Amino acid sequence: MSGRLGKWILPILLVGCQLEPEVVYVPEIIHDTTYVSTETSFSLATAAKLYMSAIDTVRLVYWYSVTKLDSVPIDSVFLTGYLHKWDAFRMSADMMDSTRVSVWPDNAGSWMSIYNYSQGEFNASNKWNANNWPDGLVTYSIGLDYK
């Protein structure tokens, strides 16, 4: 009986093994972080000054000093100067100017090293008639961007 049982069980086991799903191990996909932007740190000091560029024309100059506070490598550093005219209640503002400049490579050998810096000034892209300059609150801000 064991011969006859083995004659039937062995083919059933072999057929059953062949019907098992094939197990395939997929290797883990590792994300390449080469081009992922990383956070970096800067110190930024700014100022803005109005001056008369003609008898009836007002111009604005943004001044900046940027210092890199870490050694994360980056390609370029950009500053954007914004000028806002606020309403009487200081609840909303209208943008009077938006000027974007690249501060690389001025005064900076490389933005890859810690404490590299750039300082300078840039003119606002707009000019204003002195008679049309707002009577209320006007503020500026400078934003920093890098890639």
C-alpha atoms as a PDB file:
ATOM      1  CA  MET A   1       0.000   0.000   0.000  1.00  0.00           C
ATOM      2  CA  SER A   2       2.834   2.359   0.700  1.00  0.00           C
ATOM      3  CA  GLY A   3       4.069   1.902  -2.893  1.00  0.00           C
ATOM      4  CA  ARG A   4       0.676   2.643  -4.255  1.00  0.00           C
ATOM      5  CA  LEU A   5       0.185   5.635  -1.918  1.00  0.00           C
ATOM      6  CA  GLY A   6       3.615   7.009  -2.841  1.00  0.00           C
ATOM      7  CA  LYS A   7       2.707   6.584  -6.500  1.00  0.00           C
ATOM      8  CA  TRP A   8      -0.214   9.030  -6.101  1.00  0.00           C
ATOM      9  CA  ILE A   9       1.054  11.364  -3.380  1.00  0.00           C
ATOM     10  CA  LEU A  10       4.368  12.203  -5.006  1.00  0.00           C
ATOM     11  CA  PRO A  11       2.762  13.478  -8.275  1.00  0.00           C
ATOM     12  CA  ILE A  12       0.113  15.397  -6.289  1.00  0.00           C
ATOM     13  CA  LEU A  13       2.825  17.056  -4.201  1.00  0.00           C
ATOM     14  CA  LEU A  14       4.843  17.911  -7.288  1.00  0.00           C
ATOM     15  CA  VAL A  15       1.790  19.315  -9.063  1.00  0.00           C
ATOM     16  CA  GLY A  16       0.822  21.221  -5.901  1.00  0.00           C
ATOM     17  CA  CYS A  17       4.318  22.691  -5.686  1.00  0.00           C
ATOM     18  CA  GLN A  18       4.133  23.816  -9.261  1.00  0.00           C
ATOM     19  CA  LEU A  19       0.846  25.599  -8.623  1.00  0.00           C
ATOM     20  CA  GLU A  20       2.311  27.627  -5.764  1.00  0.00           C
ATOM     21  CA  PRO A  21       2.725  31.301  -6.725  1.00  0.00           C
ATOM     22  CA  GLU A  22       6.265  32.265  -7.479  1.00  0.00           C
ATOM     23  CA  VAL A  23       7.708  34.550  -4.830  1.00  0.00           C
ATOM     24  CA  VAL A  24       9.722  37.410  -6.274  1.00  0.00           C
ATOM     25  CA  TYR A  25      11.690  39.719  -4.030  1.00  0.00           C
ATOM     26  CA  VAL A  26      11.807  43.276  -5.380  1.00  0.00           C
ATOM     27  CA  PRO A  27      14.841  45.201  -4.189  1.00  0.00           C
ATOM     28  CA  GLU A  28      14.166  48.353  -2.181  1.00  0.00           C
ATOM     29  CA  ILE A  29      13.988  51.509  -4.291  1.00  0.00           C
ATOM     30  CA  ILE A  30      16.294  54.092  -2.787  1.00  0.00           C
ATOM     31  CA  HIS A  31      15.491  57.730  -3.486  1.00  0.00           C
ATOM     32  CA  ASP A  32      18.382  59.619  -5.030  1.00  0.00           C
ATOM     33  CA  THR A  33      18.733  62.787  -2.961  1.00  0.00           C
ATOM     34  CA  THR A  34      21.314  64.390  -5.218  1.00  0.00           C
ATOM     35  CA  TYR A  35      18.877  67.017  -6.527  1.00  0.00           C
ATOM     36  CA  VAL A  36      16.651  67.380  -3.470  1.00  0.00           C
ATOM     37  CA  SER A  37      16.840  70.919  -2.182  1.00  0.00           C
ATOM     38  CA  THR A  38      18.152  71.173   1.334  1.00  0.00           C
ATOM     39  CA  GLU A  39      17.521  73.777   3.935  1.00  0.00           C
ATOM     40  CA  THR A  40      20.329  76.219   4.478  1.00  0.00           C
ATOM     41  CA  SER A  41      20.775  79.182   6.782  1.00  0.00           C
ATOM     42  CA  PHE A  42      21.505  82.816   6.058  1.00  0.00           C
ATOM     43  CA  SER A  43      21.765  86.019   8.014  1.00  0.00           C
ATOM     44  CA  LEU A  44      20.228  89.015   6.250  1.00  0.00           C
ATOM     45  CA  ALA A  45      20.478  92.699   7.188  1.00  0.00           C
ATOM     46  CA  THR A  46      18.639  95.248   5.043  1.00  0.00           C
ATOM     47  CA  ALA A  47      17.806  98.909   4.653  1.00  0.00           C
ATOM     48  CA  ALA A  48      15.960 101.051   2.120  1.00  0.00           C
ATOM     49  CA  LYS A  49      16.476 104.705   1.274  1.00  0.00           C
ATOM     50  CA  LEU A  50      14.462 107.135  -0.809  1.00  0.00           C
ATOM     51  CA  TYR A  51      16.170 109.854  -2.789  1.00  0.00           C
ATOM     52  CA  MET A  52      15.275 112.387  -5.430  1.00  0.00           C
ATOM     53  CA  SER A  53      16.696 111.290  -8.777  1.00  0.00           C
ATOM     54  CA  ALA A  54      15.247 114.316 -10.576  1.00  0.00           C
ATOM     55  CA  ILE A  55      13.270 117.400  -9.606  1.00  0.00           C
ATOM     56  CA  ASP A  56       9.995 115.484  -9.592  1.00  0.00           C
ATOM     57  CA  THR A  57      11.115 111.822  -9.418  1.00  0.00           C
ATOM     58  CA  VAL A  58      11.610 109.644  -6.345  1.00  0.00           C
ATOM     59  CA  ARG A  59      13.782 106.510  -6.473  1.00  0.00           C
ATOM     60  CA  LEU A  60      14.321 103.782  -3.907  1.00  0.00           C
ATOM     61  CA  VAL A  61      17.561 101.939  -3.171  1.00  0.00           C
ATOM     62  CA  TYR A  62      17.572  98.646  -1.273  1.00  0.00           C
ATOM     63  CA  TRP A  63      20.749  97.842   0.710  1.00  0.00           C
ATOM     64  CA  TYR A  64      21.603  94.317   1.867  1.00  0.00           C
ATOM     65  CA  SER A  65      24.205  92.255   3.658  1.00  0.00           C
ATOM     66  CA  VAL A  66      23.879  88.457   3.348  1.00  0.00           C
ATOM     67  CA  THR A  67      26.023  85.946   5.255  1.00  0.00           C
ATOM     68  CA  LYS A  68      25.864  82.157   4.798  1.00  0.00           C
ATOM     69  CA  LEU A  69      25.678  80.392   8.176  1.00  0.00           C
ATOM     70  CA  ASP A  70      26.360  76.800   7.127  1.00  0.00           C
ATOM     71  CA  SER A  71      28.295  74.807   4.549  1.00  0.00           C
ATOM     72  CA  VAL A  72      25.366  73.377   2.550  1.00  0.00           C
ATOM     73  CA  PRO A  73      26.336  73.849  -1.117  1.00  0.00           C
ATOM     74  CA  ILE A  74      24.061  76.056  -3.229  1.00  0.00           C
ATOM     75  CA  ASP A  75      24.361  77.586  -6.691  1.00  0.00           C
ATOM     76  CA  SER A  76      22.754  81.005  -6.519  1.00  0.00           C
ATOM     77  CA  VAL A  77      21.301  83.484  -4.048  1.00  0.00           C
ATOM     78  CA  PHE A  78      18.513  85.891  -5.015  1.00  0.00           C
ATOM     79  CA  LEU A  79      16.978  88.834  -3.172  1.00  0.00           C
ATOM     80  CA  THR A  80      13.597  90.366  -3.887  1.00  0.00           C
ATOM     81  CA  GLY A  81      12.790  93.844  -2.643  1.00  0.00           C
ATOM     82  CA  TYR A  82       9.121  94.625  -1.987  1.00  0.00           C
ATOM     83  CA  LEU A  83       7.554  98.023  -1.342  1.00  0.00           C
ATOM     84  CA  HIS A  84       4.003  98.200   0.072  1.00  0.00           C
ATOM     85  CA  LYS A  85       1.586 101.096   0.461  1.00  0.00           C
ATOM     86  CA  TRP A  86      -0.816 100.492   3.391  1.00  0.00           C
ATOM     87  CA  ASP A  87      -4.380 101.710   3.678  1.00  0.00           C
ATOM     88  CA  ALA A  88      -5.455 104.167   6.411  1.00  0.00           C
ATOM     89  CA  PHE A  89      -6.428 101.342   8.819  1.00  0.00           C
ATOM     90  CA  ARG A  90      -3.267  99.325   8.096  1.00  0.00           C
ATOM     91  CA  MET A  91      -5.375  96.289   7.284  1.00  0.00           C
ATOM     92  CA  SER A  92      -4.265  95.761   3.668  1.00  0.00           C
ATOM     93  CA  ALA A  93      -1.485  96.901   1.410  1.00  0.00           C
ATOM     94  CA  ASP A  94      -0.873  97.427  -2.291  1.00  0.00           C
ATOM     95  CA  MET A  95       2.469  96.436  -3.767  1.00  0.00           C
ATOM     96  CA  MET A  96       4.301  99.401  -5.240  1.00  0.00           C
ATOM     97  CA  ASP A  97       7.471  97.548  -6.247  1.00  0.00           C
ATOM     98  CA  SER A  98       8.915  94.070  -6.623  1.00  0.00           C
ATOM     99  CA  THR A  99      12.540  93.914  -7.756  1.00  0.00           C
ATOM    100  CA  ARG A 100      14.506  90.647  -7.937  1.00  0.00           C
ATOM    101  CA  VAL A 101      18.311  90.537  -8.165  1.00  0.00           C
ATOM    102  CA  SER A 102      21.007  87.894  -7.969  1.00  0.00           C
ATOM    103  CA  VAL A 103      23.601  88.606  -5.278  1.00  0.00           C
ATOM    104  CA  TRP A 104      25.908  85.859  -6.507  1.00  0.00           C
ATOM    105  CA  PRO A 105      28.904  86.172  -6.984  1.00  0.00           C
ATOM    106  CA  ASP A 106      29.320  89.677  -5.521  1.00  0.00           C
ATOM    107  CA  ASN A 107      31.830  89.494  -2.660  1.00  0.00           C
ATOM    108  CA  ALA A 108      31.374  85.742  -2.320  1.00  0.00           C
ATOM    109  CA  GLY A 109      34.049  83.318  -3.436  1.00  0.00           C
ATOM    110  CA  SER A 110      31.632  80.443  -3.103  1.00  0.00           C
ATOM    111  CA  TRP A 111      28.274  79.919  -1.434  1.00  0.00           C
ATOM    112  CA  MET A 112      29.510  76.460  -0.355  1.00  0.00           C
ATOM    113  CA  SER A 113      31.580  77.684   2.581  1.00  0.00           C
ATOM    114  CA  ILE A 114      30.368  78.933   5.922  1.00  0.00           C
ATOM    115  CA  TYR A 115      30.461  82.712   6.544  1.00  0.00           C
ATOM    116  CA  ASN A 116      30.731  83.686   2.881  1.00  0.00           C
ATOM    117  CA  TYR A 117      28.922  86.946   2.380  1.00  0.00           C
ATOM    118  CA  SER A 118      27.671  89.465  -0.093  1.00  0.00           C
ATOM    119  CA  GLN A 119      26.743  93.058   0.491  1.00  0.00           C
ATOM    120  CA  GLY A 120      25.639  95.850  -1.754  1.00  0.00           C
ATOM    121  CA  GLU A 121      22.626  97.734  -2.987  1.00  0.00           C
ATOM    122  CA  PHE A 122      20.212  97.656  -5.874  1.00  0.00           C
ATOM    123  CA  ASN A 123      17.712 100.128  -7.282  1.00  0.00           C
ATOM    124  CA  ALA A 124      13.999  99.467  -7.259  1.00  0.00           C
ATOM    125  CA  SER A 125      12.725  98.789 -10.739  1.00  0.00           C
ATOM    126  CA  ASN A 126      10.088 101.522 -10.417  1.00  0.00           C
ATOM    127  CA  LYS A 127      10.328 105.309 -10.119  1.00  0.00           C
ATOM    128  CA  TRP A 128       7.587 107.508  -8.677  1.00  0.00           C
ATOM    129  CA  ASN A 129       6.483 111.049  -9.234  1.00  0.00           C
ATOM    130  CA  ALA A 130       7.201 112.997  -6.044  1.00  0.00           C
ATOM    131  CA  ASN A 131       3.675 114.489  -6.068  1.00  0.00           C
ATOM    132  CA  ASN A 132       2.122 111.020  -6.269  1.00  0.00           C
ATOM    133  CA  TRP A 133       4.101 109.485  -3.390  1.00  0.00           C
ATOM    134  CA  PRO A 134       1.609 108.139  -0.794  1.00  0.00           C
ATOM    135  CA  ASP A 135       0.879 110.180   2.334  1.00  0.00           C
ATOM    136  CA  GLY A 136       0.259 107.106   4.481  1.00  0.00           C
ATOM    137  CA  LEU A 137       2.472 104.278   5.667  1.00  0.00           C
ATOM    138  CA  VAL A 138       4.901 102.759   3.142  1.00  0.00           C
ATOM    139  CA  THR A 139       6.995  99.747   4.173  1.00  0.00           C
ATOM    140  CA  TYR A 140       9.617  97.598   2.497  1.00  0.00           C
ATOM    141  CA  SER A 141      10.776  94.022   2.936  1.00  0.00           C
ATOM    142  CA  ILE A 142      13.444  91.913   1.291  1.00  0.00           C
ATOM    143  CA  GLY A 143      13.017  88.216   0.675  1.00  0.00           C
ATOM    144  CA  LEU A 144      15.859  85.726   0.142  1.00  0.00           C
ATOM    145  CA  ASP A 145      15.698  82.751  -2.209  1.00  0.00           C
ATOM    146  CA  TYR A 146      18.357  80.279  -3.319  1.00  0.00           C
ATOM    147  CA  LYS A 147      18.837  77.270  -5.542  1.00  0.00           C
END
